[in-house]
C-alpha cells in the first residue's frame, strides 16, 4: 500500500522503549512484551540505565547510545521524566513517539507540564500518540505500541477502532474476540496526532471493512469532514459512539479531554451528511462493527427469522417494528415449500416458529426451513434466533443452519440469542470471523440490521439535484448588511431573503397613522400588523401582533394599540392563508460552522422542539428527508379534512435557504424564519430574524 504521513508512528522501522523493565506487569515490561506478542519484525531497543539485557536484547542507558535513530520512541516512564526524555528524542529528530502517562504533576510549575509538552511537540513536528492514552495496535502491520496487558490479535483483521477514551478501546478489543481488529488506537489528549489523522490512516488500509469511533470532540473539524467524505466515497461504513450528548456529559468531556464536546444536534447533522451510523452504547458499537465487517452490503428485501419458540417469534415482531426493520412478506412459493418441511401444526409465516414436537428429525426440519426462508425473493438477510446452551455455549447444529442457508441462497445470515448468558464460546468467535456472525441481544442486533438497510438505501439513492445558487450580488449585500447592522429585524430580514428568491408575504412599513389607508389599498385586506420597533425579537410575548385585520377601522385600532404599547414603527403585511407552520433556522457551530434547522414552527416551536438539523448546502431531496423525520410530519398530508400541504415547495425553499446560509458562512451567527406557512400551493415566510456574528439579540 502507499506510504502515509503517519507511517513513522504506526508502521515504524525501529522502536525504542524508554523505561523498559524486567519487572513483570509493569508498563516498561508490557511495552516490550507487546511488541513481541504482535510479531513486530523491526529493530527494538530497550532503554534503561539500570539494565544490561532485557527480553534477550541489549539494553541501552540513553537514547543517544542507540546505534541508529529510531522511528518511534515509546515512553514507559512516569510524568516527572517525560520532559527530559522528550528533549532527548527531539534533539536527533526522532519522528514519532507514544506517551502513555497523564502529564500531571502535583507540584507543577506554570505553564503546566501538558502545555510544555504540547509546545515542544508543535515546534518539533513530532508525531505524538497521546498523552494520557493507551497507545495503539497496528495489528495488520504487527506494530503494537502499548504498555498494558492485551488479548491476542491476529493479522490482518478487518475492523479499525479509534477511541478518545482509553477504556473505549481496551474495553472492546480486549473483551470481544468477535471483533476482528486490524488497527486500534487510544488517542488520549491528542497533543500531536488526532482522531482525524488516525481515521484517514485506517481508511487507507486495504483490509478495513468498518471503522468504529468513540468520540468526545473533533480538534480538526475540516479534516474530520474530509475523512468522513473519504469513508463515504470508499463505501467503508463508520460507526460512531458520540459522548457528551447531554449538558452534564458535555461538561465532563471538557474536564476529561480539555476540549468542547460540541452540540449534539450538529454532530447528528454531520453524521447524517456522511452516512455515519450513530450508536448509543458500547454494545451497539460492537454489534454494528461485527455486522458491517461481515455482512455489508446486503441485498434488497427485508429480514427473515427462524425460532424454536413462538413467544420469541412474537417478540421479534414487536422489536423489529420498534427498530424500523421490515420483515419480509413470504411469497406463495415459499409458503408452499415450508408446508412440506415444517410440522403440520406450525404456521408457514415470517418470523417462523419451526419447532414443535422435537424428535430426531427436528434439526433437519429447522435447517431446511431456514434455507427456504432465506431463498425467498423478499429476503435480504436471515437470522436464527436461538438462545445459548447451558454455560453460554453454542450448539454446532445452529451454525449448520447458517451454513446451509447461505449455501442455498447466497444471502447474509446470522445467529442471535436473546441474551449471552454466562461464558464465551470458541464456536461463536470462529463462526463470526468466517462470516457467520453470532451475536447476543435482539434489540442491538436489530439496530445493526437497520443500519445495514440504511447503508444499502443510501448507496442506492441518487440525488441528481444540486443545491440552489443564490444571486451573488444579493448575497454580498446581505453579508455587508449583517456586518454593518449586526442584526436585521423582521422587515429587513424578509426583504433581504426576498431579494434572494425566498417567498415572502408582501409588506410595507408605516410610522404614522395617516399612511395606513394608502398601504391598505396597495396590499389589500385582510392584513397583519406587527411592531417593527428595534430590539423587540419576540413580538407575540410583547403583544406586538394583530392578525386578520379586515377593514380600515380594525387596522387603525390595531395601529394605535401597537404605537402605544411598542412604538410607532409598524409592519403591515398581507394575511397569508392558513396552512401548516414550519420553521427554518440557522446557527453557527463553533466546530463545524453553519447548521440549518428544519422543524415544526409557530408559537409552540420551542415547546415542541420538533427539529432536524442539516449541514448546508443541500438540495430539495435532502430537505425532504429532513421533513419526513419530523414528529408532526403527518400534518403536512392533511389532518381532519384539511388539504395536504405543498411539501415540495417548502423543500425547495429550505434548499434555497441552506444555500444562503452556506454562502453567508461566518457572517451569520443565527437565523430564525418562523413561521413558514406551508399551504396547498406554495409556502410563505412571514417572520424572520437574522443575526450577524457581531450582533446581539434582545428579548
Foldseek 3Di string as FASTA:
>chain_A
DDDAPCCLPLVWQEEEEEPQDPDPQALNPQQVVLLVLLPPDHYYEYEDLVDQDDPNHGHHPACVPDPDQTQEYEYSDELVCVVVNLVSNLVVPRAEYEAEYDQDDPPADPPGRVVVVLVSCVVSVHQYQAYNAAFKAQSLSSGGRGRGDADHAHPQFAEEEEECDRCLFRVDRRPPLLRRYRMYGHRYLCSHPDPLSVLQVLLPPVRHQEYEYEDQADPALVSNLVSLQSCLVVVRAYEYEQWPQDVVRQVVSCVRRVDGSFHPLVVVQSCVVSVHHYDHDSQLRVLLRLCRSFAPQWDAAFEAEEEQDPVVQVVLVVLLVVLVGDWGFFDPVLQVVLCVQADVVFHLGGNGNRHDPDDPCSLVSRLVNQLSRCQGPRHGEYEYEDAADPQLEHDVSRLVSQVSNCVNRVHQYEYEYQASPHDDYPVQSVCSVVRHHYYYRSNSNSNSVVSSVVSVVVVPDDDPDDFDAWDPVLLVVVLVCCVVVQKDFWVRVQVSVVNRPFFAFDKDKDQDLVCVVVRCVVADDDKKKFAPDPQDRPGVVQVGIDGRRGDSVSVSVSQVVNCVRPRRIMMIGYHDDAAFWKKWKWAQIPSNGIKIKTAGFDPCCVVQVFIRIHQDQDALVVLVVRLVSGPPSVVQCPDPNAHHFPSSQVSSSNNSVRNSRVSSIQQWGMKIQTTFGTHNPHTHGYGMMTGTPNHDHHD
